[in-house]
C-alpha atoms as a PDB file:
ATOM      1  CA  UNK A   1      24.385  32.877  -7.744  1.00  0.00           C
ATOM      2  CA  UNK A   2      22.246  34.052  -4.767  1.00  0.00           C
ATOM      3  CA  UNK A   3      24.045  35.045  -1.578  1.00  0.00           C
ATOM      4  CA  UNK A   4      23.908  32.697   1.415  1.00  0.00           C
ATOM      5  CA  UNK A   5      22.245  34.395   4.379  1.00  0.00           C
ATOM      6  CA  UNK A   6      23.758  33.346   7.715  1.00  0.00           C
ATOM      7  CA  UNK A   7      22.588  33.988  11.270  1.00  0.00           C
ATOM      8  CA  UNK A   8      25.691  33.885  13.455  1.00  0.00           C
ATOM      9  CA  UNK A   9      24.836  33.306  17.143  1.00  0.00           C
ATOM     10  CA  UNK A  10      27.632  34.201  19.568  1.00  0.00           C
ATOM     11  CA  UNK A  11      27.907  36.365  22.681  1.00  0.00           C
ATOM     12  CA  UNK A  12      31.424  37.460  21.643  1.00  0.00           C
ATOM     13  CA  UNK A  13      30.732  40.678  19.721  1.00  0.00           C
ATOM     14  CA  UNK A  14      34.346  41.121  18.588  1.00  0.00           C
ATOM     15  CA  UNK A  15      34.532  37.634  17.094  1.00  0.00           C
ATOM     16  CA  UNK A  16      31.119  38.115  15.502  1.00  0.00           C
ATOM     17  CA  UNK A  17      32.304  41.298  13.734  1.00  0.00           C
ATOM     18  CA  UNK A  18      35.383  39.434  12.498  1.00  0.00           C
ATOM     19  CA  UNK A  19      33.252  36.591  11.175  1.00  0.00           C
ATOM     20  CA  UNK A  20      30.875  39.022   9.489  1.00  0.00           C
ATOM     21  CA  UNK A  21      33.760  40.802   7.780  1.00  0.00           C
ATOM     22  CA  UNK A  22      35.631  37.732   6.549  1.00  0.00           C
ATOM     23  CA  UNK A  23      32.604  35.713   5.523  1.00  0.00           C
ATOM     24  CA  UNK A  24      31.268  38.790   3.750  1.00  0.00           C
ATOM     25  CA  UNK A  25      34.368  38.760   1.530  1.00  0.00           C
ATOM     26  CA  UNK A  26      33.495  35.166   0.607  1.00  0.00           C
ATOM     27  CA  UNK A  27      29.984  36.056  -0.532  1.00  0.00           C
ATOM     28  CA  UNK A  28      28.021  35.418   2.660  1.00  0.00           C
ATOM     29  CA  UNK A  29      25.558  37.840   4.188  1.00  0.00           C
ATOM     30  CA  UNK A  30      26.002  37.472   7.950  1.00  0.00           C
ATOM     31  CA  UNK A  31      23.713  38.812  10.657  1.00  0.00           C
ATOM     32  CA  UNK A  32      24.771  38.593  14.284  1.00  0.00           C
ATOM     33  CA  UNK A  33      22.591  37.584  17.237  1.00  0.00           C
ATOM     34  CA  UNK A  34      24.269  37.946  20.615  1.00  0.00           C
ATOM     35  CA  UNK A  35      21.741  35.932  22.648  1.00  0.00           C
ATOM     36  CA  UNK A  36      19.439  32.936  22.199  1.00  0.00           C
ATOM     37  CA  UNK A  37      16.344  35.112  22.581  1.00  0.00           C
ATOM     38  CA  UNK A  38      17.513  37.547  19.921  1.00  0.00           C
ATOM     39  CA  UNK A  39      18.335  34.609  17.636  1.00  0.00           C
ATOM     40  CA  UNK A  40      14.875  33.080  18.099  1.00  0.00           C
ATOM     41  CA  UNK A  41      13.241  36.410  17.294  1.00  0.00           C
ATOM     42  CA  UNK A  42      15.229  36.730  14.068  1.00  0.00           C
ATOM     43  CA  UNK A  43      14.529  33.117  13.100  1.00  0.00           C
ATOM     44  CA  UNK A  44      10.811  33.803  13.550  1.00  0.00           C
ATOM     45  CA  UNK A  45      11.146  36.598  10.992  1.00  0.00           C
ATOM     46  CA  UNK A  46      12.810  34.139   8.599  1.00  0.00           C
ATOM     47  CA  UNK A  47      15.018  34.703   5.588  1.00  0.00           C
ATOM     48  CA  UNK A  48      18.087  32.710   6.680  1.00  0.00           C
ATOM     49  CA  UNK A  49      19.652  29.842   4.760  1.00  0.00           C
ATOM     50  CA  UNK A  50      21.820  28.562   7.608  1.00  0.00           C
ATOM     51  CA  UNK A  51      22.852  29.445  11.142  1.00  0.00           C
ATOM     52  CA  UNK A  52      26.236  29.195  12.890  1.00  0.00           C
ATOM     53  CA  UNK A  53      25.964  28.545  16.601  1.00  0.00           C
ATOM     54  CA  UNK A  54      28.635  28.942  19.276  1.00  0.00           C
ATOM     55  CA  UNK A  55      28.676  26.551  22.228  1.00  0.00           C
ATOM     56  CA  UNK A  56      28.995  29.146  24.986  1.00  0.00           C
ATOM     57  CA  UNK A  57      26.265  31.753  24.729  1.00  0.00           C
ATOM     58  CA  UNK A  58      26.419  33.444  28.105  1.00  0.00           C
ATOM     59  CA  UNK A  59      22.754  32.729  28.851  1.00  0.00           C
ATOM     60  CA  UNK A  60      23.001  28.981  28.273  1.00  0.00           C
ATOM     61  CA  UNK A  61      24.705  26.782  25.709  1.00  0.00           C
ATOM     62  CA  UNK A  62      24.294  26.019  22.066  1.00  0.00           C
ATOM     63  CA  UNK A  63      23.075  22.530  22.956  1.00  0.00           C
ATOM     64  CA  UNK A  64      20.196  24.029  24.909  1.00  0.00           C
ATOM     65  CA  UNK A  65      19.435  26.292  21.959  1.00  0.00           C
ATOM     66  CA  UNK A  66      19.353  23.292  19.596  1.00  0.00           C
ATOM     67  CA  UNK A  67      16.891  21.585  21.925  1.00  0.00           C
ATOM     68  CA  UNK A  68      14.649  24.654  21.768  1.00  0.00           C
ATOM     69  CA  UNK A  69      14.900  24.697  17.982  1.00  0.00           C
ATOM     70  CA  UNK A  70      13.880  21.027  17.816  1.00  0.00           C
ATOM     71  CA  UNK A  71      10.538  21.854  19.448  1.00  0.00           C
ATOM     72  CA  UNK A  72       9.796  24.503  16.806  1.00  0.00           C
ATOM     73  CA  UNK A  73       9.830  22.189  13.808  1.00  0.00           C
ATOM     74  CA  UNK A  74      11.737  22.654  10.582  1.00  0.00           C
ATOM     75  CA  UNK A  75      14.232  25.500  10.299  1.00  0.00           C
ATOM     76  CA  UNK A  76      17.542  26.318   8.633  1.00  0.00           C
ATOM     77  CA  UNK A  77      20.426  23.877   9.155  1.00  0.00           C
ATOM     78  CA  UNK A  78      22.857  24.645  11.966  1.00  0.00           C
ATOM     79  CA  UNK A  79      26.659  24.516  12.044  1.00  0.00           C
ATOM     80  CA  UNK A  80      27.993  24.160  15.586  1.00  0.00           C
ATOM     81  CA  UNK A  81      31.096  26.106  16.639  1.00  0.00           C
ATOM     82  CA  UNK A  82      33.069  24.796  19.591  1.00  0.00           C
ATOM     83  CA  UNK A  83      36.582  24.635  21.033  1.00  0.00           C
ATOM     84  CA  UNK A  84      38.948  22.263  19.280  1.00  0.00           C
ATOM     85  CA  UNK A  85      39.420  20.226  22.459  1.00  0.00           C
ATOM     86  CA  UNK A  86      35.709  19.723  23.074  1.00  0.00           C
ATOM     87  CA  UNK A  87      34.959  16.848  20.686  1.00  0.00           C
ATOM     88  CA  UNK A  88      32.395  15.353  23.043  1.00  0.00           C
ATOM     89  CA  UNK A  89      30.429  18.601  22.771  1.00  0.00           C
ATOM     90  CA  UNK A  90      30.629  18.458  18.976  1.00  0.00           C
ATOM     91  CA  UNK A  91      29.318  14.890  18.985  1.00  0.00           C
ATOM     92  CA  UNK A  92      26.477  15.917  21.291  1.00  0.00           C
ATOM     93  CA  UNK A  93      25.640  18.781  18.936  1.00  0.00           C
ATOM     94  CA  UNK A  94      25.408  16.438  15.956  1.00  0.00           C
ATOM     95  CA  UNK A  95      23.109  14.152  17.931  1.00  0.00           C
ATOM     96  CA  UNK A  96      21.000  17.169  18.853  1.00  0.00           C
ATOM     97  CA  UNK A  97      20.411  18.019  15.204  1.00  0.00           C
ATOM     98  CA  UNK A  98      23.386  20.112  14.055  1.00  0.00           C
ATOM     99  CA  UNK A  99      24.310  19.555  10.428  1.00  0.00           C
ATOM    100  CA  UNK A 100      28.065  19.922  11.027  1.00  0.00           C
ATOM    101  CA  UNK A 101      30.574  21.333  13.494  1.00  0.00           C
ATOM    102  CA  UNK A 102      33.675  23.521  13.219  1.00  0.00           C
ATOM    103  CA  UNK A 103      36.447  23.767  15.842  1.00  0.00           C
ATOM    104  CA  UNK A 104      37.038  27.384  16.881  1.00  0.00           C
ATOM    105  CA  UNK A 105      40.629  28.570  16.372  1.00  0.00           C
ATOM    106  CA  UNK A 106      42.400  31.911  16.171  1.00  0.00           C
ATOM    107  CA  UNK A 107      43.820  31.530  12.658  1.00  0.00           C
ATOM    108  CA  UNK A 108      42.262  32.044   9.245  1.00  0.00           C
ATOM    109  CA  UNK A 109      41.640  28.328   8.924  1.00  0.00           C
ATOM    110  CA  UNK A 110      38.610  28.764  11.219  1.00  0.00           C
ATOM    111  CA  UNK A 111      36.906  31.068   8.707  1.00  0.00           C
ATOM    112  CA  UNK A 112      37.762  28.750   5.820  1.00  0.00           C
ATOM    113  CA  UNK A 113      36.385  25.730   7.675  1.00  0.00           C
ATOM    114  CA  UNK A 114      33.300  27.649   8.742  1.00  0.00           C
ATOM    115  CA  UNK A 115      32.610  28.836   5.181  1.00  0.00           C
ATOM    116  CA  UNK A 116      32.988  25.304   3.846  1.00  0.00           C
ATOM    117  CA  UNK A 117      30.720  23.870   6.561  1.00  0.00           C
ATOM    118  CA  UNK A 118      28.075  26.527   5.889  1.00  0.00           C
ATOM    119  CA  UNK A 119      28.117  25.810   2.147  1.00  0.00           C
ATOM    120  CA  UNK A 120      27.830  22.067   2.748  1.00  0.00           C
ATOM    121  CA  UNK A 121      25.005  22.507   5.256  1.00  0.00           C
ATOM    122  CA  UNK A 122      23.030  24.628   2.792  1.00  0.00           C
ATOM    123  CA  UNK A 123      23.675  22.178  -0.042  1.00  0.00           C
ATOM    124  CA  UNK A 124      22.653  19.225   2.123  1.00  0.00           C
ATOM    125  CA  UNK A 125      19.480  20.984   3.262  1.00  0.00           C
ATOM    126  CA  UNK A 126      18.639  21.818  -0.354  1.00  0.00           C
ATOM    127  CA  UNK A 127      19.108  18.187  -1.395  1.00  0.00           C
ATOM    128  CA  UNK A 128      16.930  16.986   1.485  1.00  0.00           C
ATOM    129  CA  UNK A 129      14.217  19.491   0.554  1.00  0.00           C
ATOM    130  CA  UNK A 130      14.355  18.459  -3.124  1.00  0.00           C
ATOM    131  CA  UNK A 131      14.190  14.782  -2.128  1.00  0.00           C
ATOM    132  CA  UNK A 132      11.177  15.406   0.115  1.00  0.00           C
ATOM    133  CA  UNK A 133       9.479  17.422  -2.629  1.00  0.00           C
ATOM    134  CA  UNK A 134      10.104  14.648  -5.163  1.00  0.00           C
ATOM    135  CA  UNK A 135       8.764  12.037  -2.735  1.00  0.00           C
ATOM    136  CA  UNK A 136       5.700  14.205  -2.122  1.00  0.00           C
ATOM    137  CA  UNK A 137       5.100  14.417  -5.869  1.00  0.00           C
ATOM    138  CA  UNK A 138       5.424  10.630  -6.176  1.00  0.00           C
ATOM    139  CA  UNK A 139       2.978  10.130  -3.302  1.00  0.00           C
ATOM    140  CA  UNK A 140       0.540  12.590  -4.839  1.00  0.00           C
ATOM    141  CA  UNK A 141       0.786  10.862  -8.225  1.00  0.00           C
ATOM    142  CA  UNK A 142       0.283   7.477  -6.570  1.00  0.00           C
ATOM    143  CA  UNK A 143      -2.737   8.766  -4.652  1.00  0.00           C
ATOM    144  CA  UNK A 144      -4.246  10.158  -7.850  1.00  0.00           C
ATOM    145  CA  UNK A 145      -3.653   6.851  -9.642  1.00  0.00           C
ATOM    146  CA  UNK A 146      -5.218   4.897  -6.790  1.00  0.00           C
ATOM    147  CA  UNK A 147      -8.211   7.230  -6.780  1.00  0.00           C
ATOM    148  CA  UNK A 148      -8.669   6.842 -10.525  1.00  0.00           C
ATOM    149  CA  UNK A 149      -8.320   3.064 -10.275  1.00  0.00           C
ATOM    150  CA  UNK A 150     -10.893   2.955  -7.481  1.00  0.00           C
ATOM    151  CA  UNK A 151     -13.258   4.977  -9.669  1.00  0.00           C
ATOM    152  CA  UNK A 152     -12.669   2.585 -12.579  1.00  0.00           C
ATOM    153  CA  UNK A 153     -13.408  -0.424 -10.354  1.00  0.00           C
ATOM    154  CA  UNK A 154     -16.541   1.321  -9.096  1.00  0.00           C
ATOM    155  CA  UNK A 155     -17.780   1.989 -12.612  1.00  0.00           C
ATOM    156  CA  UNK A 156     -16.984  -1.561 -13.772  1.00  0.00           C
ATOM    157  CA  UNK A 157     -18.829  -3.056 -10.794  1.00  0.00           C
ATOM    158  CA  UNK A 158     -21.838  -0.828 -11.434  1.00  0.00           C
ATOM    159  CA  UNK A 159     -21.858  -1.687 -15.138  1.00  0.00           C
ATOM    160  CA  UNK A 160     -21.705  -5.418 -14.394  1.00  0.00           C
ATOM    161  CA  UNK A 161     -24.510  -5.033 -11.856  1.00  0.00           C
ATOM    162  CA  UNK A 162     -26.600  -3.429 -14.591  1.00  0.00           C
ATOM    163  CA  UNK A 163     -25.800  -6.319 -16.961  1.00  0.00           C
ATOM    164  CA  UNK A 164     -26.798  -8.794 -14.233  1.00  0.00           C
ATOM    165  CA  UNK A 165     -30.092  -6.940 -13.723  1.00  0.00           C
ATOM    166  CA  UNK A 166     -30.805  -7.104 -17.464  1.00  0.00           C
ATOM    167  CA  UNK A 167     -30.097 -10.835 -17.474  1.00  0.00           C
ATOM    168  CA  UNK A 168     -32.478 -11.246 -14.547  1.00  0.00           C
ATOM    169  CA  UNK A 169     -35.209  -9.321 -16.389  1.00  0.00           C
ATOM    170  CA  UNK A 170     -34.723 -11.575 -19.395  1.00  0.00           C
ATOM    171  CA  UNK A 171     -34.943 -14.695 -17.207  1.00  0.00           C
ATOM    172  CA  UNK A 172     -38.215 -13.493 -15.676  1.00  0.00           C
ATOM    173  CA  UNK A 173     -39.990 -13.426 -19.028  1.00  0.00           C
ATOM    174  CA  UNK A 174     -38.875 -16.933 -19.997  1.00  0.00           C
ATOM    175  CA  UNK A 175     -40.954 -20.037 -19.342  1.00  0.00           C
ATOM    176  CA  UNK A 176     -38.405 -22.677 -20.353  1.00  0.00           C
ATOM    177  CA  UNK A 177     -36.682 -23.998 -17.230  1.00  0.00           C
ATOM    178  CA  UNK A 178     -33.482 -24.855 -19.074  1.00  0.00           C
ATOM    179  CA  UNK A 179     -33.189 -21.328 -20.416  1.00  0.00           C
ATOM    180  CA  UNK A 180     -33.943 -19.802 -17.018  1.00  0.00           C
ATOM    181  CA  UNK A 181     -31.277 -21.994 -15.370  1.00  0.00           C
ATOM    182  CA  UNK A 182     -28.737 -21.034 -18.022  1.00  0.00           C
ATOM    183  CA  UNK A 183     -29.363 -17.345 -17.397  1.00  0.00           C
ATOM    184  CA  UNK A 184     -29.093 -17.905 -13.639  1.00  0.00           C
ATOM    185  CA  UNK A 185     -25.668 -19.463 -14.171  1.00  0.00           C
ATOM    186  CA  UNK A 186     -24.703 -16.515 -16.342  1.00  0.00           C
ATOM    187  CA  UNK A 187     -25.751 -14.188 -13.539  1.00  0.00           C
ATOM    188  CA  UNK A 188     -23.551 -16.102 -11.095  1.00  0.00           C
ATOM    189  CA  UNK A 189     -20.547 -15.724 -13.415  1.00  0.00           C
ATOM    190  CA  UNK A 190     -21.195 -12.007 -13.767  1.00  0.00           C
ATOM    191  CA  UNK A 191     -21.444 -11.674  -9.983  1.00  0.00           C
ATOM    192  CA  UNK A 192     -18.099 -13.457  -9.550  1.00  0.00           C
ATOM    193  CA  UNK A 193     -16.419 -10.849 -11.752  1.00  0.00           C
ATOM    194  CA  UNK A 194     -18.301  -7.837 -10.385  1.00  0.00           C
ATOM    195  CA  UNK A 195     -17.498  -8.818  -6.795  1.00  0.00           C
ATOM    196  CA  UNK A 196     -13.768  -8.468  -7.432  1.00  0.00           C
ATOM    197  CA  UNK A 197     -14.130  -4.881  -8.635  1.00  0.00           C
ATOM    198  CA  UNK A 198     -16.546  -4.006  -5.853  1.00  0.00           C
ATOM    199  CA  UNK A 199     -14.168  -5.407  -3.252  1.00  0.00           C
ATOM    200  CA  UNK A 200     -11.284  -3.389  -4.682  1.00  0.00           C
ATOM    201  CA  UNK A 201     -12.996  -0.014  -4.498  1.00  0.00           C
ATOM    202  CA  UNK A 202     -14.590  -0.655  -1.085  1.00  0.00           C
ATOM    203  CA  UNK A 203     -11.438  -2.014   0.569  1.00  0.00           C
ATOM    204  CA  UNK A 204      -9.063   0.661  -0.732  1.00  0.00           C
ATOM    205  CA  UNK A 205      -6.735  -1.990  -2.172  1.00  0.00           C
ATOM    206  CA  UNK A 206      -5.212  -1.247  -5.562  1.00  0.00           C
ATOM    207  CA  UNK A 207      -4.265  -4.575  -7.105  1.00  0.00           C
ATOM    208  CA  UNK A 208      -4.452  -7.259  -4.423  1.00  0.00           C
ATOM    209  CA  UNK A 209      -7.589  -9.100  -3.301  1.00  0.00           C
ATOM    210  CA  UNK A 210      -8.024 -10.832   0.058  1.00  0.00           C
ATOM    211  CA  UNK A 211      -9.323 -14.209  -1.015  1.00  0.00           C
ATOM    212  CA  UNK A 212     -11.026 -15.201   2.227  1.00  0.00           C
ATOM    213  CA  UNK A 213     -13.233 -12.108   2.199  1.00  0.00           C
ATOM    214  CA  UNK A 214     -13.889 -12.214  -1.533  1.00  0.00           C
ATOM    215  CA  UNK A 215     -14.672 -15.934  -1.745  1.00  0.00           C
ATOM    216  CA  UNK A 216     -16.735 -15.754   1.451  1.00  0.00           C
ATOM    217  CA  UNK A 217     -19.021 -13.116  -0.072  1.00  0.00           C
ATOM    218  CA  UNK A 218     -19.133 -14.943  -3.396  1.00  0.00           C
ATOM    219  CA  UNK A 219     -20.128 -18.237  -1.761  1.00  0.00           C
ATOM    220  CA  UNK A 220     -22.782 -16.585   0.378  1.00  0.00           C
ATOM    221  CA  UNK A 221     -24.428 -15.117  -2.719  1.00  0.00           C
ATOM    222  CA  UNK A 222     -24.025 -18.338  -4.682  1.00  0.00           C
ATOM    223  CA  UNK A 223     -25.528 -20.491  -1.927  1.00  0.00           C
ATOM    224  CA  UNK A 224     -28.551 -18.233  -1.649  1.00  0.00           C
ATOM    225  CA  UNK A 225     -29.010 -18.246  -5.419  1.00  0.00           C
ATOM    226  CA  UNK A 226     -28.808 -22.033  -5.689  1.00  0.00           C
ATOM    227  CA  UNK A 227     -31.219 -22.587  -2.819  1.00  0.00           C
ATOM    228  CA  UNK A 228     -33.583 -20.128  -4.474  1.00  0.00           C
ATOM    229  CA  UNK A 229     -33.556 -22.424  -7.518  1.00  0.00           C
ATOM    230  CA  UNK A 230     -34.623 -25.342  -5.347  1.00  0.00           C
ATOM    231  CA  UNK A 231     -31.258 -26.983  -4.626  1.00  0.00           C
ATOM    232  CA  UNK A 232     -30.980 -28.049  -0.987  1.00  0.00           C
ATOM    233  CA  UNK A 233     -27.248 -28.533  -0.420  1.00  0.00           C
ATOM    234  CA  UNK A 234     -25.559 -26.884   2.554  1.00  0.00           C
ATOM    235  CA  UNK A 235     -22.523 -24.758   1.654  1.00  0.00           C
ATOM    236  CA  UNK A 236     -19.568 -24.815   4.093  1.00  0.00           C
ATOM    237  CA  UNK A 237     -16.291 -22.920   3.655  1.00  0.00           C
ATOM    238  CA  UNK A 238     -12.905 -22.822   5.376  1.00  0.00           C
ATOM    239  CA  UNK A 239     -10.799 -20.119   3.753  1.00  0.00           C
ATOM    240  CA  UNK A 240      -7.219 -19.233   4.683  1.00  0.00           C
ATOM    241  CA  UNK A 241      -6.282 -15.506   4.628  1.00  0.00           C
ATOM    242  CA  UNK A 242      -4.406 -15.500   1.314  1.00  0.00           C
ATOM    243  CA  UNK A 243      -4.135 -12.772  -1.310  1.00  0.00           C
ATOM    244  CA  UNK A 244      -4.112 -12.795  -5.115  1.00  0.00           C
ATOM    245  CA  UNK A 245      -3.908 -10.311  -7.990  1.00  0.00           C
ATOM    246  CA  UNK A 246      -6.988  -8.909  -9.718  1.00  0.00           C
ATOM    247  CA  UNK A 247      -6.953 -10.961 -12.924  1.00  0.00           C
ATOM    248  CA  UNK A 248      -6.124 -14.224 -11.177  1.00  0.00           C
ATOM    249  CA  UNK A 249      -8.848 -13.580  -8.589  1.00  0.00           C
ATOM    250  CA  UNK A 250     -11.464 -13.048 -11.307  1.00  0.00           C
ATOM    251  CA  UNK A 251     -10.498 -16.336 -12.959  1.00  0.00           C
ATOM    252  CA  UNK A 252     -10.494 -18.124  -9.604  1.00  0.00           C
ATOM    253  CA  UNK A 253     -13.909 -16.710  -8.728  1.00  0.00           C
ATOM    254  CA  UNK A 254     -15.406 -17.951 -11.994  1.00  0.00           C
ATOM    255  CA  UNK A 255     -13.884 -21.418 -11.418  1.00  0.00           C
ATOM    256  CA  UNK A 256     -15.309 -21.591  -7.893  1.00  0.00           C
ATOM    257  CA  UNK A 257     -18.707 -20.492  -9.217  1.00  0.00           C
ATOM    258  CA  UNK A 258     -18.723 -23.294 -11.795  1.00  0.00           C
ATOM    259  CA  UNK A 259     -17.534 -25.994  -9.378  1.00  0.00           C
ATOM    260  CA  UNK A 260     -19.974 -25.062  -6.626  1.00  0.00           C
ATOM    261  CA  UNK A 261     -22.846 -24.772  -9.104  1.00  0.00           C
ATOM    262  CA  UNK A 262     -22.059 -28.253 -10.452  1.00  0.00           C
ATOM    263  CA  UNK A 263     -21.921 -29.693  -6.933  1.00  0.00           C
ATOM    264  CA  UNK A 264     -25.299 -28.183  -6.049  1.00  0.00           C
ATOM    265  CA  UNK A 265     -26.878 -29.431  -9.267  1.00  0.00           C
ATOM    266  CA  UNK A 266     -25.474 -32.935  -9.520  1.00  0.00           C
ATOM    267  CA  UNK A 267     -24.106 -34.179  -6.179  1.00  0.00           C
ATOM    268  CA  UNK A 268     -27.426 -34.593  -4.379  1.00  0.00           C
ATOM    269  CA  UNK A 269     -30.230 -35.286  -6.855  1.00  0.00           C
ATOM    270  CA  UNK A 270     -32.561 -36.864  -4.275  1.00  0.00           C
ATOM    271  CA  UNK A 271     -31.426 -35.442  -0.922  1.00  0.00           C
ATOM    272  CA  UNK A 272     -29.486 -32.623   0.673  1.00  0.00           C
ATOM    273  CA  UNK A 273     -25.893 -32.721   1.838  1.00  0.00           C
ATOM    274  CA  UNK A 274     -22.766 -30.644   2.294  1.00  0.00           C
ATOM    275  CA  UNK A 275     -20.700 -28.852  -0.332  1.00  0.00           C
ATOM    276  CA  UNK A 276     -17.375 -27.780   1.155  1.00  0.00           C
ATOM    277  CA  UNK A 277     -15.003 -25.138  -0.210  1.00  0.00           C
ATOM    278  CA  UNK A 278     -11.525 -25.211   1.327  1.00  0.00           C
ATOM    279  CA  UNK A 279      -8.649 -22.807   0.677  1.00  0.00           C
ATOM    280  CA  UNK A 280      -5.209 -23.313   2.191  1.00  0.00           C
ATOM    281  CA  UNK A 281      -1.566 -22.566   1.548  1.00  0.00           C
ATOM    282  CA  UNK A 282       0.378 -25.450   0.025  1.00  0.00           C
ATOM    283  CA  UNK A 283       4.014 -24.679   0.667  1.00  0.00           C
ATOM    284  CA  UNK A 284       5.908 -21.537  -0.378  1.00  0.00           C
ATOM    285  CA  UNK A 285       4.138 -19.610  -3.122  1.00  0.00           C
ATOM    286  CA  UNK A 286       1.370 -22.155  -3.758  1.00  0.00           C
ATOM    287  CA  UNK A 287      -2.242 -22.610  -2.709  1.00  0.00           C
ATOM    288  CA  UNK A 288      -4.844 -25.351  -2.943  1.00  0.00           C
ATOM    289  CA  UNK A 289      -8.549 -24.762  -3.416  1.00  0.00           C
ATOM    290  CA  UNK A 290     -10.806 -27.769  -2.952  1.00  0.00           C
ATOM    291  CA  UNK A 291     -14.516 -28.106  -3.714  1.00  0.00           C
ATOM    292  CA  UNK A 292     -15.851 -31.414  -2.409  1.00  0.00           C
ATOM    293  CA  UNK A 293     -19.132 -33.136  -1.638  1.00  0.00           C
ATOM    294  CA  UNK A 294     -20.450 -36.403  -0.219  1.00  0.00           C
ATOM    295  CA  UNK A 295     -22.869 -36.994  -3.063  1.00  0.00           C
ATOM    296  CA  UNK A 296     -23.368 -39.616  -5.736  1.00  0.00           C
ATOM    297  CA  UNK A 297     -20.086 -38.975  -7.528  1.00  0.00           C
ATOM    298  CA  UNK A 298     -19.470 -38.986 -11.278  1.00  0.00           C
ATOM    299  CA  UNK A 299     -18.412 -42.598 -11.815  1.00  0.00           C
ATOM    300  CA  UNK A 300     -20.586 -44.350 -14.360  1.00  0.00           C
ATOM    301  CA  UNK A 301     -22.970 -41.449 -14.645  1.00  0.00           C
ATOM    302  CA  UNK A 302     -23.782 -39.136 -17.512  1.00  0.00           C
ATOM    303  CA  UNK A 303     -24.133 -35.570 -16.332  1.00  0.00           C
ATOM    304  CA  UNK A 304     -26.783 -33.653 -18.175  1.00  0.00           C
ATOM    305  CA  UNK A 305     -25.596 -30.315 -19.386  1.00  0.00           C
ATOM    306  CA  UNK A 306     -23.950 -28.425 -22.228  1.00  0.00           C
ATOM    307  CA  UNK A 307     -20.373 -28.899 -21.046  1.00  0.00           C
ATOM    308  CA  UNK A 308     -19.937 -25.127 -21.048  1.00  0.00           C
ATOM    309  CA  UNK A 309     -19.020 -25.081 -17.351  1.00  0.00           C
ATOM    310  CA  UNK A 310     -16.226 -27.605 -17.889  1.00  0.00           C
ATOM    311  CA  UNK A 311     -14.830 -25.597 -20.793  1.00  0.00           C
ATOM    312  CA  UNK A 312     -14.937 -22.412 -18.700  1.00  0.00           C
ATOM    313  CA  UNK A 313     -13.091 -24.112 -15.830  1.00  0.00           C
ATOM    314  CA  UNK A 314     -10.359 -25.383 -18.161  1.00  0.00           C
ATOM    315  CA  UNK A 315      -9.954 -21.976 -19.837  1.00  0.00           C
ATOM    316  CA  UNK A 316      -9.841 -20.066 -16.546  1.00  0.00           C
ATOM    317  CA  UNK A 317      -7.360 -22.574 -15.072  1.00  0.00           C
ATOM    318  CA  UNK A 318      -5.042 -22.231 -18.070  1.00  0.00           C
ATOM    319  CA  UNK A 319      -5.088 -18.456 -17.755  1.00  0.00           C
ATOM    320  CA  UNK A 320      -3.683 -18.631 -14.195  1.00  0.00           C
ATOM    321  CA  UNK A 321      -1.437 -21.635 -14.905  1.00  0.00           C
ATOM    322  CA  UNK A 322      -3.381 -23.778 -12.454  1.00  0.00           C
ATOM    323  CA  UNK A 323      -3.810 -27.539 -12.280  1.00  0.00           C
ATOM    324  CA  UNK A 324      -7.322 -28.983 -11.852  1.00  0.00           C
ATOM    325  CA  UNK A 325      -7.604 -32.580 -10.618  1.00  0.00           C
ATOM    326  CA  UNK A 326     -10.826 -34.534 -10.022  1.00  0.00           C
ATOM    327  CA  UNK A 327     -10.790 -37.146  -7.251  1.00  0.00           C
ATOM    328  CA  UNK A 328     -13.425 -39.807  -6.609  1.00  0.00           C
ATOM    329  CA  UNK A 329     -14.384 -39.940  -2.936  1.00  0.00           C
ATOM    330  CA  UNK A 330     -16.370 -42.582  -1.089  1.00  0.00           C
ATOM    331  CA  UNK A 331     -18.900 -41.114  -1.286  1.00  0.00           C
ATOM    332  CA  UNK A 332     -18.732 -38.018  -3.446  1.00  0.00           C
ATOM    333  CA  UNK A 333     -16.286 -36.042  -5.541  1.00  0.00           C
ATOM    334  CA  UNK A 334     -13.458 -33.628  -4.802  1.00  0.00           C
ATOM    335  CA  UNK A 335     -12.021 -31.128  -7.268  1.00  0.00           C
ATOM    336  CA  UNK A 336      -8.609 -29.732  -6.310  1.00  0.00           C
ATOM    337  CA  UNK A 337      -7.180 -26.619  -7.916  1.00  0.00           C
ATOM    338  CA  UNK A 338      -3.481 -25.851  -7.371  1.00  0.00           C
ATOM    339  CA  UNK A 339      -2.299 -22.334  -8.257  1.00  0.00           C
ATOM    340  CA  UNK A 340       0.539 -19.907  -7.589  1.00  0.00           C
ATOM    341  CA  UNK A 341       0.379 -17.065  -5.086  1.00  0.00           C
ATOM    342  CA  UNK A 342       1.985 -13.675  -5.800  1.00  0.00           C
ATOM    343  CA  UNK A 343       5.551 -13.349  -4.580  1.00  0.00           C
END
């Protein structure tokens, strides 16, 4: 077992020699410093596991020395030595950063108490250092994982952007309007998924998405795309600052894409109007997302389409355990999605 190296700081040379002798028999290597300046010089040179510090140092007190040590940063733990009747001084020493204190007496019990306090101070300092090292390793591992996850999100977003570009190239060579519209809808779905991954690696978040920012960007892109296809509705949003996990956000984004696309396509066949997307908290742990319009509504009408969008909405809603309810408005339609927020 390695020897414990002690710096004993005391202006009483006779007591210091006694401490050196008796602690040496117990396996300690004790070096004496008779003044604060000498002690600071030796501490600069390093090599000590612990220091023992007397209260009265001739040129100042041990409390003043502790205050000077505190300005120097980390160092060996200190055991404070003071008269048995000076408990207030001992308390002050502990508040000033001492690891422990030992009352100074004439008998052998002083050496025994001092040896025990020195051992405990070293053991405590070692435990603290090991704990800090373990925490540093955990932080480093977490940082590496976050960096890797950000890189994965970056690569996924880039890959989806490439897929979207390929879909766009395919749409450009088609002449059939139905086929071109179908590919445009596919592009919108791809964008909804890619936007989640892009937002994750640009925001620095690991697994949580801020819905107001994500849906705001998604709706801006979707509105521009739909207007580019000749649809004249005006898209309005009011989004509460809520958060959601990655998978649930992807599903929610696809649902919003389908609902808004349907509103643009079918709510206002002969004129323009508003499509509103509203997100709000609905009690503890729940949220409501509403997509509504003031258009012609669905009652008594046959909507032209493949029904794929409806199937996608139902599948995505099931995957996040959400309820989708359609309400007839006068005029228009409202679709309300109720889903759980992360605890």
